[in-house]
Amino acid sequence: MNSPRTRVPLLVVLLASTMLVAIPAAGIVVPGLASSNEVDAKSLGVDLERSMWKAIADHDMRTVESMLASGFLSVHENGARDRAKELDLISKLKLGPYERSDFVVTREGPTMVVCYFVEVAETIDGDRLPKRRSARSSVWLMTPQGWQWIHHANLNPLPPKA
């Protein structure tokens, strides 16, 4: 006959093995285990950001406009901008050489969030910002027209106004 001491470890083993099967089935993410969907989301998110940065750097406003959702909203240190104001800002934006890094991407249904760092010198609203590393965050939405940029946060500090 089994003593209580030998039954407890067996019960723990059975519960643990059941949880290992149930966790992936429930959609719970286990750190260190990237599903193919997570890998695909990261690759897609990085590609979307690369495409947008290229269009902006090339002053390809036709592409930029096609990628911005009608309800687009951005936030910068000096406030929020709707689609029209962001398009105006982008049309006047002057980017220096840039490097993006440390992408983190998550997808939930038709929404993808892309966070990353960029090192770039840029001119925003006439203010030349020095080349420095700053965080950015974008939200992309799958629409009938494809992936569209619905939100962007530029966390690069602006110089104080005189």
N, C-alpha and C. Protein backbone atom coordinates (compact mmCIF):
# COMPACT_ATOMS: atom_id res chain seq x y z
N MET A 1 0.84 -1.18 0.00
CA MET A 1 0.00 0.00 0.00
C MET A 1 0.89 1.25 0.00
N ASN A 2 0.49 2.23 -0.79
CA ASN A 2 1.27 3.47 -0.89
C ASN A 2 1.04 4.34 0.33
N SER A 3 2.10 4.91 0.81
CA SER A 3 1.97 5.84 1.92
C SER A 3 1.59 7.21 1.35
N PRO A 4 1.03 8.12 2.20
CA PRO A 4 0.66 9.45 1.69
C PRO A 4 1.85 10.19 1.08
N ARG A 5 3.06 9.91 1.58
CA ARG A 5 4.22 10.61 1.05
C ARG A 5 4.48 10.24 -0.42
N THR A 6 4.24 9.04 -0.83
CA THR A 6 4.49 8.66 -2.23
C THR A 6 3.35 9.08 -3.13
N ARG A 7 2.13 9.22 -2.61
CA ARG A 7 1.00 9.64 -3.42
C ARG A 7 1.08 11.14 -3.76
N VAL A 8 1.57 11.95 -2.87
CA VAL A 8 1.62 13.39 -3.11
C VAL A 8 2.50 13.71 -4.31
N PRO A 9 3.72 13.18 -4.37
CA PRO A 9 4.52 13.49 -5.56
C PRO A 9 3.87 12.99 -6.85
N LEU A 10 3.24 11.85 -6.83
CA LEU A 10 2.57 11.33 -8.00
C LEU A 10 1.44 12.27 -8.42
N LEU A 11 0.67 12.78 -7.46
CA LEU A 11 -0.40 13.72 -7.74
C LEU A 11 0.17 15.01 -8.34
N VAL A 12 1.27 15.50 -7.78
CA VAL A 12 1.92 16.70 -8.29
C VAL A 12 2.38 16.48 -9.73
N VAL A 13 2.97 15.34 -9.99
CA VAL A 13 3.43 15.02 -11.35
C VAL A 13 2.25 14.98 -12.31
N LEU A 14 1.16 14.35 -11.92
CA LEU A 14 -0.01 14.27 -12.79
C LEU A 14 -0.60 15.66 -13.05
N LEU A 15 -0.70 16.50 -12.02
CA LEU A 15 -1.22 17.85 -12.20
C LEU A 15 -0.30 18.67 -13.10
N ALA A 16 0.99 18.56 -12.88
CA ALA A 16 1.94 19.32 -13.68
C ALA A 16 1.88 18.91 -15.14
N SER A 17 1.81 17.61 -15.39
CA SER A 17 1.76 17.16 -16.79
C SER A 17 0.44 17.56 -17.44
N THR A 18 -0.65 17.58 -16.69
CA THR A 18 -1.94 18.03 -17.22
C THR A 18 -1.87 19.50 -17.56
N MET A 19 -1.22 20.30 -16.71
CA MET A 19 -1.11 21.74 -16.97
C MET A 19 -0.26 22.01 -18.20
N LEU A 20 0.78 21.22 -18.42
CA LEU A 20 1.62 21.42 -19.60
C LEU A 20 0.83 21.21 -20.88
N VAL A 21 -0.14 20.29 -20.84
CA VAL A 21 -0.99 20.07 -22.00
C VAL A 21 -2.04 21.16 -22.09
N ALA A 22 -2.61 21.58 -20.95
CA ALA A 22 -3.70 22.54 -20.96
C ALA A 22 -3.24 23.96 -21.26
N ILE A 23 -2.05 24.33 -20.84
CA ILE A 23 -1.60 25.71 -21.02
C ILE A 23 -1.55 26.10 -22.49
N PRO A 24 -0.87 25.35 -23.36
CA PRO A 24 -0.87 25.77 -24.76
C PRO A 24 -2.26 25.73 -25.38
N ALA A 25 -3.08 24.77 -24.99
CA ALA A 25 -4.42 24.67 -25.55
C ALA A 25 -5.27 25.87 -25.15
N ALA A 26 -5.02 26.45 -23.97
CA ALA A 26 -5.79 27.60 -23.52
C ALA A 26 -5.26 28.90 -24.09
N GLY A 27 -4.18 28.86 -24.86
CA GLY A 27 -3.63 30.06 -25.46
C GLY A 27 -2.74 30.87 -24.53
N ILE A 28 -2.31 30.27 -23.44
CA ILE A 28 -1.43 30.96 -22.50
C ILE A 28 -0.02 30.88 -23.04
N VAL A 29 0.67 32.02 -23.06
CA VAL A 29 2.03 32.07 -23.59
C VAL A 29 3.00 31.65 -22.51
N VAL A 30 3.83 30.68 -22.83
CA VAL A 30 4.87 30.23 -21.92
C VAL A 30 6.17 30.90 -22.34
N PRO A 31 6.79 31.70 -21.43
CA PRO A 31 8.01 32.40 -21.81
C PRO A 31 9.05 31.45 -22.39
N GLY A 32 9.70 31.90 -23.45
CA GLY A 32 10.75 31.09 -24.07
C GLY A 32 10.23 30.19 -25.17
N LEU A 33 8.93 30.03 -25.27
CA LEU A 33 8.36 29.19 -26.31
C LEU A 33 7.62 30.08 -27.30
N ALA A 34 8.20 30.33 -28.45
CA ALA A 34 7.57 31.18 -29.46
C ALA A 34 6.83 30.31 -30.45
N SER A 35 5.54 30.53 -30.59
CA SER A 35 4.78 29.79 -31.58
C SER A 35 5.07 30.38 -32.95
N SER A 36 4.68 29.66 -33.99
CA SER A 36 4.91 30.19 -35.34
C SER A 36 4.09 31.46 -35.55
N ASN A 37 2.92 31.57 -34.89
CA ASN A 37 2.12 32.80 -35.00
C ASN A 37 2.85 33.98 -34.41
N GLU A 38 3.55 33.78 -33.27
CA GLU A 38 4.31 34.86 -32.65
C GLU A 38 5.46 35.29 -33.54
N VAL A 39 6.14 34.31 -34.13
CA VAL A 39 7.26 34.61 -35.03
C VAL A 39 6.74 35.36 -36.25
N ASP A 40 5.62 34.90 -36.81
CA ASP A 40 5.03 35.56 -37.97
C ASP A 40 4.59 36.98 -37.63
N ALA A 41 4.00 37.19 -36.44
CA ALA A 41 3.57 38.52 -36.02
C ALA A 41 4.76 39.45 -35.90
N LYS A 42 5.84 38.97 -35.29
CA LYS A 42 7.01 39.83 -35.14
C LYS A 42 7.57 40.21 -36.50
N SER A 43 7.70 39.25 -37.37
CA SER A 43 8.23 39.51 -38.71
C SER A 43 7.33 40.51 -39.45
N LEU A 44 6.02 40.31 -39.36
CA LEU A 44 5.09 41.20 -40.03
C LEU A 44 5.14 42.60 -39.43
N GLY A 45 5.17 42.69 -38.10
CA GLY A 45 5.24 43.99 -37.44
C GLY A 45 6.48 44.77 -37.81
N VAL A 46 7.61 44.08 -37.83
CA VAL A 46 8.88 44.73 -38.21
C VAL A 46 8.80 45.18 -39.67
N ASP A 47 8.25 44.34 -40.54
CA ASP A 47 8.12 44.70 -41.96
C ASP A 47 7.21 45.92 -42.16
N LEU A 48 6.12 45.99 -41.41
CA LEU A 48 5.21 47.14 -41.51
C LEU A 48 5.94 48.42 -41.12
N GLU A 49 6.67 48.36 -40.01
CA GLU A 49 7.42 49.55 -39.56
C GLU A 49 8.50 49.93 -40.57
N ARG A 50 9.21 48.95 -41.10
CA ARG A 50 10.25 49.24 -42.11
C ARG A 50 9.63 49.92 -43.33
N SER A 51 8.48 49.42 -43.76
CA SER A 51 7.81 50.00 -44.93
C SER A 51 7.40 51.45 -44.66
N MET A 52 6.86 51.69 -43.47
CA MET A 52 6.43 53.06 -43.15
C MET A 52 7.64 54.00 -43.05
N TRP A 53 8.69 53.55 -42.34
CA TRP A 53 9.89 54.40 -42.23
C TRP A 53 10.49 54.69 -43.60
N LYS A 54 10.52 53.71 -44.49
CA LYS A 54 11.07 53.93 -45.83
C LYS A 54 10.22 54.94 -46.59
N ALA A 55 8.90 54.80 -46.53
CA ALA A 55 8.02 55.74 -47.23
C ALA A 55 8.21 57.15 -46.69
N ILE A 56 8.34 57.29 -45.37
CA ILE A 56 8.54 58.61 -44.78
C ILE A 56 9.89 59.19 -45.20
N ALA A 57 10.94 58.38 -45.09
CA ALA A 57 12.29 58.85 -45.45
C ALA A 57 12.38 59.24 -46.92
N ASP A 58 11.65 58.50 -47.77
CA ASP A 58 11.65 58.78 -49.22
C ASP A 58 10.66 59.88 -49.61
N HIS A 59 9.95 60.44 -48.65
CA HIS A 59 8.89 61.43 -48.90
C HIS A 59 7.85 60.89 -49.87
N ASP A 60 7.54 59.61 -49.73
CA ASP A 60 6.54 58.95 -50.58
C ASP A 60 5.18 59.10 -49.90
N MET A 61 4.61 60.28 -50.04
CA MET A 61 3.37 60.59 -49.33
C MET A 61 2.18 59.76 -49.83
N ARG A 62 2.22 59.32 -51.05
CA ARG A 62 1.13 58.47 -51.56
C ARG A 62 1.08 57.16 -50.76
N THR A 63 2.25 56.55 -50.53
CA THR A 63 2.30 55.32 -49.74
C THR A 63 1.93 55.59 -48.29
N VAL A 64 2.46 56.67 -47.73
CA VAL A 64 2.15 57.01 -46.33
C VAL A 64 0.64 57.17 -46.17
N GLU A 65 0.01 57.94 -47.06
CA GLU A 65 -1.43 58.16 -46.97
C GLU A 65 -2.21 56.86 -47.08
N SER A 66 -1.77 55.97 -47.95
CA SER A 66 -2.48 54.70 -48.13
C SER A 66 -2.35 53.79 -46.91
N MET A 67 -1.29 53.99 -46.12
CA MET A 67 -1.06 53.14 -44.95
C MET A 67 -1.68 53.70 -43.67
N LEU A 68 -2.10 54.97 -43.67
CA LEU A 68 -2.70 55.59 -42.49
C LEU A 68 -4.21 55.34 -42.48
N ALA A 69 -4.71 54.79 -41.38
CA ALA A 69 -6.14 54.57 -41.22
C ALA A 69 -6.86 55.91 -41.10
N SER A 70 -8.12 55.93 -41.45
CA SER A 70 -8.89 57.18 -41.38
C SER A 70 -8.99 57.69 -39.94
N GLY A 71 -8.96 56.81 -38.96
CA GLY A 71 -9.05 57.22 -37.56
C GLY A 71 -7.71 57.34 -36.88
N PHE A 72 -6.64 57.50 -37.65
CA PHE A 72 -5.28 57.57 -37.10
C PHE A 72 -5.16 58.66 -36.04
N LEU A 73 -4.39 58.36 -35.01
CA LEU A 73 -4.09 59.33 -33.96
C LEU A 73 -2.67 59.07 -33.47
N SER A 74 -1.89 60.14 -33.36
CA SER A 74 -0.53 60.00 -32.83
C SER A 74 -0.39 60.85 -31.58
N VAL A 75 0.67 60.57 -30.84
CA VAL A 75 0.97 61.39 -29.68
C VAL A 75 2.47 61.65 -29.66
N HIS A 76 2.79 62.91 -29.43
CA HIS A 76 4.15 63.38 -29.28
C HIS A 76 4.18 64.14 -27.96
N GLU A 77 5.34 64.52 -27.54
CA GLU A 77 5.46 65.24 -26.28
C GLU A 77 4.60 66.51 -26.25
N ASN A 78 4.39 67.12 -27.42
CA ASN A 78 3.63 68.36 -27.47
C ASN A 78 2.15 68.17 -27.78
N GLY A 79 1.67 66.93 -27.74
CA GLY A 79 0.24 66.70 -27.90
C GLY A 79 -0.12 65.65 -28.94
N ALA A 80 -1.41 65.50 -29.13
CA ALA A 80 -1.95 64.50 -30.06
C ALA A 80 -2.19 65.13 -31.43
N ARG A 81 -2.13 64.28 -32.45
CA ARG A 81 -2.39 64.72 -33.82
C ARG A 81 -3.34 63.73 -34.48
N ASP A 82 -4.31 64.25 -35.21
CA ASP A 82 -5.17 63.39 -35.99
C ASP A 82 -4.48 63.07 -37.32
N ARG A 83 -5.17 62.35 -38.18
CA ARG A 83 -4.59 61.91 -39.44
C ARG A 83 -4.09 63.09 -40.27
N ALA A 84 -4.91 64.12 -40.43
CA ALA A 84 -4.52 65.27 -41.27
C ALA A 84 -3.29 65.98 -40.70
N LYS A 85 -3.26 66.16 -39.40
CA LYS A 85 -2.11 66.85 -38.78
C LYS A 85 -0.85 65.99 -38.87
N GLU A 86 -1.00 64.68 -38.73
CA GLU A 86 0.17 63.79 -38.83
C GLU A 86 0.70 63.78 -40.26
N LEU A 87 -0.20 63.74 -41.24
CA LEU A 87 0.24 63.78 -42.64
C LEU A 87 0.98 65.09 -42.93
N ASP A 88 0.50 66.19 -42.38
CA ASP A 88 1.19 67.47 -42.55
C ASP A 88 2.58 67.41 -41.91
N LEU A 89 2.65 66.87 -40.70
CA LEU A 89 3.95 66.75 -40.02
C LEU A 89 4.90 65.87 -40.83
N ILE A 90 4.42 64.73 -41.29
CA ILE A 90 5.26 63.80 -42.04
C ILE A 90 5.74 64.43 -43.35
N SER A 91 4.89 65.20 -44.00
CA SER A 91 5.28 65.82 -45.28
C SER A 91 6.43 66.80 -45.09
N LYS A 92 6.58 67.35 -43.89
CA LYS A 92 7.65 68.31 -43.60
C LYS A 92 8.81 67.69 -42.82
N LEU A 93 8.68 66.43 -42.48
CA LEU A 93 9.67 65.74 -41.66
C LEU A 93 10.97 65.55 -42.42
N LYS A 94 12.06 65.83 -41.75
CA LYS A 94 13.38 65.59 -42.34
C LYS A 94 14.10 64.60 -41.44
N LEU A 95 14.31 63.41 -41.97
CA LEU A 95 14.98 62.36 -41.22
C LEU A 95 16.44 62.26 -41.64
N GLY A 96 17.30 62.07 -40.66
CA GLY A 96 18.68 61.70 -40.95
C GLY A 96 18.74 60.18 -41.03
N PRO A 97 19.95 59.64 -41.19
CA PRO A 97 20.09 58.17 -41.16
C PRO A 97 19.52 57.64 -39.85
N TYR A 98 18.90 56.48 -39.91
CA TYR A 98 18.26 55.93 -38.71
C TYR A 98 18.56 54.44 -38.55
N GLU A 99 18.50 54.02 -37.31
CA GLU A 99 18.64 52.60 -36.96
C GLU A 99 17.55 52.24 -35.97
N ARG A 100 16.79 51.20 -36.28
CA ARG A 100 15.75 50.71 -35.37
C ARG A 100 16.26 49.43 -34.71
N SER A 101 15.81 49.20 -33.48
CA SER A 101 16.27 48.00 -32.77
C SER A 101 15.27 47.60 -31.69
N ASP A 102 15.52 46.45 -31.11
CA ASP A 102 14.78 45.94 -29.95
C ASP A 102 13.26 45.91 -30.18
N PHE A 103 12.86 45.35 -31.30
CA PHE A 103 11.43 45.24 -31.60
C PHE A 103 10.75 44.26 -30.66
N VAL A 104 9.58 44.65 -30.18
CA VAL A 104 8.69 43.76 -29.45
C VAL A 104 7.33 43.90 -30.12
N VAL A 105 6.77 42.77 -30.53
CA VAL A 105 5.52 42.79 -31.30
C VAL A 105 4.53 41.85 -30.66
N THR A 106 3.29 42.29 -30.59
CA THR A 106 2.22 41.42 -30.13
C THR A 106 1.02 41.61 -31.05
N ARG A 107 0.27 40.54 -31.23
CA ARG A 107 -0.92 40.61 -32.08
C ARG A 107 -2.10 40.01 -31.33
N GLU A 108 -3.20 40.70 -31.40
CA GLU A 108 -4.46 40.22 -30.83
C GLU A 108 -5.53 40.45 -31.88
N GLY A 109 -5.96 39.38 -32.53
CA GLY A 109 -6.96 39.51 -33.58
C GLY A 109 -6.47 40.42 -34.69
N PRO A 110 -7.27 41.44 -35.05
CA PRO A 110 -6.89 42.33 -36.16
C PRO A 110 -5.97 43.48 -35.75
N THR A 111 -5.44 43.42 -34.52
CA THR A 111 -4.62 44.51 -34.01
C THR A 111 -3.21 44.03 -33.72
N MET A 112 -2.22 44.81 -34.16
CA MET A 112 -0.83 44.48 -33.89
C MET A 112 -0.16 45.71 -33.25
N VAL A 113 0.54 45.47 -32.14
CA VAL A 113 1.28 46.53 -31.46
C VAL A 113 2.76 46.27 -31.67
N VAL A 114 3.47 47.30 -32.10
CA VAL A 114 4.91 47.20 -32.37
C VAL A 114 5.62 48.27 -31.54
N CYS A 115 6.48 47.83 -30.62
CA CYS A 115 7.29 48.75 -29.82
C CYS A 115 8.75 48.53 -30.20
N TYR A 116 9.51 49.61 -30.24
CA TYR A 116 10.91 49.51 -30.65
C TYR A 116 11.64 50.78 -30.26
N PHE A 117 12.94 50.77 -30.47
CA PHE A 117 13.76 51.95 -30.29
C PHE A 117 14.29 52.37 -31.65
N VAL A 118 14.49 53.67 -31.81
CA VAL A 118 15.09 54.19 -33.03
C VAL A 118 16.11 55.25 -32.63
N GLU A 119 17.19 55.25 -33.37
CA GLU A 119 18.19 56.30 -33.20
C GLU A 119 18.19 57.10 -34.49
N VAL A 120 17.77 58.38 -34.38
CA VAL A 120 17.62 59.19 -35.58
C VAL A 120 17.70 60.68 -35.21
N ALA A 121 18.27 61.47 -36.12
CA ALA A 121 18.16 62.93 -36.03
C ALA A 121 16.97 63.28 -36.91
N GLU A 122 16.07 64.10 -36.39
CA GLU A 122 14.87 64.43 -37.15
C GLU A 122 14.44 65.87 -36.87
N THR A 123 13.72 66.42 -37.83
CA THR A 123 13.15 67.75 -37.66
C THR A 123 11.64 67.58 -37.56
N ILE A 124 11.09 68.01 -36.42
CA ILE A 124 9.65 67.92 -36.18
C ILE A 124 9.15 69.32 -35.86
N ASP A 125 8.15 69.77 -36.62
CA ASP A 125 7.58 71.11 -36.42
C ASP A 125 8.66 72.19 -36.41
N GLY A 126 9.67 72.03 -37.26
CA GLY A 126 10.74 73.02 -37.36
C GLY A 126 11.84 72.88 -36.32
N ASP A 127 11.67 71.97 -35.36
CA ASP A 127 12.70 71.76 -34.34
C ASP A 127 13.60 70.60 -34.74
N ARG A 128 14.90 70.87 -34.84
CA ARG A 128 15.87 69.81 -35.17
C ARG A 128 16.22 69.09 -33.88
N LEU A 129 15.92 67.80 -33.85
CA LEU A 129 16.23 66.97 -32.69
C LEU A 129 17.52 66.22 -32.95
N PRO A 130 18.42 66.20 -31.99
CA PRO A 130 19.69 65.50 -32.21
C PRO A 130 19.48 64.00 -32.32
N LYS A 131 20.47 63.36 -32.94
CA LYS A 131 20.40 61.91 -33.06
C LYS A 131 20.55 61.30 -31.67
N ARG A 132 19.52 60.61 -31.25
CA ARG A 132 19.56 59.91 -29.97
C ARG A 132 18.56 58.77 -30.02
N ARG A 133 18.75 57.83 -29.13
CA ARG A 133 17.90 56.65 -29.05
C ARG A 133 16.63 57.00 -28.28
N SER A 134 15.46 56.69 -28.87
CA SER A 134 14.20 56.94 -28.19
C SER A 134 13.20 55.84 -28.54
N ALA A 135 12.24 55.67 -27.65
CA ALA A 135 11.22 54.62 -27.83
C ALA A 135 10.12 55.12 -28.76
N ARG A 136 9.58 54.18 -29.50
CA ARG A 136 8.42 54.43 -30.37
C ARG A 136 7.46 53.26 -30.19
N SER A 137 6.21 53.53 -30.47
CA SER A 137 5.19 52.50 -30.40
C SER A 137 4.16 52.75 -31.50
N SER A 138 3.81 51.71 -32.22
CA SER A 138 2.80 51.82 -33.28
C SER A 138 1.74 50.76 -33.08
N VAL A 139 0.53 51.11 -33.48
CA VAL A 139 -0.56 50.14 -33.51
C VAL A 139 -1.04 50.04 -34.95
N TRP A 140 -1.11 48.81 -35.42
CA TRP A 140 -1.56 48.52 -36.78
C TRP A 140 -2.88 47.77 -36.70
N LEU A 141 -3.78 48.05 -37.63
CA LEU A 141 -5.11 47.44 -37.65
C LEU A 141 -5.34 46.79 -39.01
N MET A 142 -5.78 45.53 -38.99
CA MET A 142 -6.12 44.86 -40.25
C MET A 142 -7.49 45.35 -40.69
N THR A 143 -7.54 45.92 -41.88
CA THR A 143 -8.78 46.46 -42.44
C THR A 143 -9.03 45.78 -43.79
N PRO A 144 -10.17 46.02 -44.41
CA PRO A 144 -10.38 45.47 -45.76
C PRO A 144 -9.32 45.94 -46.77
N GLN A 145 -8.66 47.07 -46.47
CA GLN A 145 -7.60 47.57 -47.35
C GLN A 145 -6.23 47.00 -47.00
N GLY A 146 -6.16 46.15 -45.99
CA GLY A 146 -4.89 45.59 -45.53
C GLY A 146 -4.50 46.22 -44.20
N TRP A 147 -3.25 46.04 -43.79
CA TRP A 147 -2.77 46.59 -42.53
C TRP A 147 -2.67 48.10 -42.63
N GLN A 148 -3.25 48.80 -41.66
CA GLN A 148 -3.17 50.25 -41.63
C GLN A 148 -2.69 50.73 -40.27
N TRP A 149 -1.94 51.81 -40.32
CA TRP A 149 -1.37 52.44 -39.12
C TRP A 149 -2.48 53.23 -38.46
N ILE A 150 -2.88 52.86 -37.26
CA ILE A 150 -3.98 53.53 -36.56
C ILE A 150 -3.48 54.41 -35.41
N HIS A 151 -2.27 54.13 -34.91
CA HIS A 151 -1.74 54.92 -33.80
C HIS A 151 -0.21 54.86 -33.79
N HIS A 152 0.40 55.98 -33.38
CA HIS A 152 1.85 56.01 -33.22
C HIS A 152 2.19 56.93 -32.05
N ALA A 153 3.14 56.50 -31.23
CA ALA A 153 3.66 57.33 -30.13
C ALA A 153 5.15 57.54 -30.38
N ASN A 154 5.52 58.81 -30.46
CA ASN A 154 6.93 59.19 -30.61
C ASN A 154 7.37 59.74 -29.26
N LEU A 155 8.23 59.01 -28.57
CA LEU A 155 8.64 59.39 -27.22
C LEU A 155 9.96 60.13 -27.18
N ASN A 156 10.36 60.68 -28.32
CA ASN A 156 11.59 61.49 -28.39
C ASN A 156 11.28 62.86 -27.79
N PRO A 157 11.97 63.26 -26.73
CA PRO A 157 11.68 64.56 -26.11
C PRO A 157 11.95 65.73 -27.07
N LEU A 158 11.06 66.68 -27.07
CA LEU A 158 11.22 67.89 -27.88
C LEU A 158 11.98 68.94 -27.08
N PRO A 159 12.71 69.83 -27.78
CA PRO A 159 13.42 70.88 -27.05
C PRO A 159 12.41 71.84 -26.43
N PRO A 160 12.76 72.46 -25.29
CA PRO A 160 11.84 73.41 -24.66
C PRO A 160 11.61 74.62 -25.56
N LYS A 161 10.39 75.11 -25.58
CA LYS A 161 10.06 76.31 -26.37
C LYS A 161 10.49 77.54 -25.60
N ALA A 162 11.05 78.51 -26.32
CA ALA A 162 11.50 79.75 -25.67
C ALA A 162 10.33 80.66 -25.35
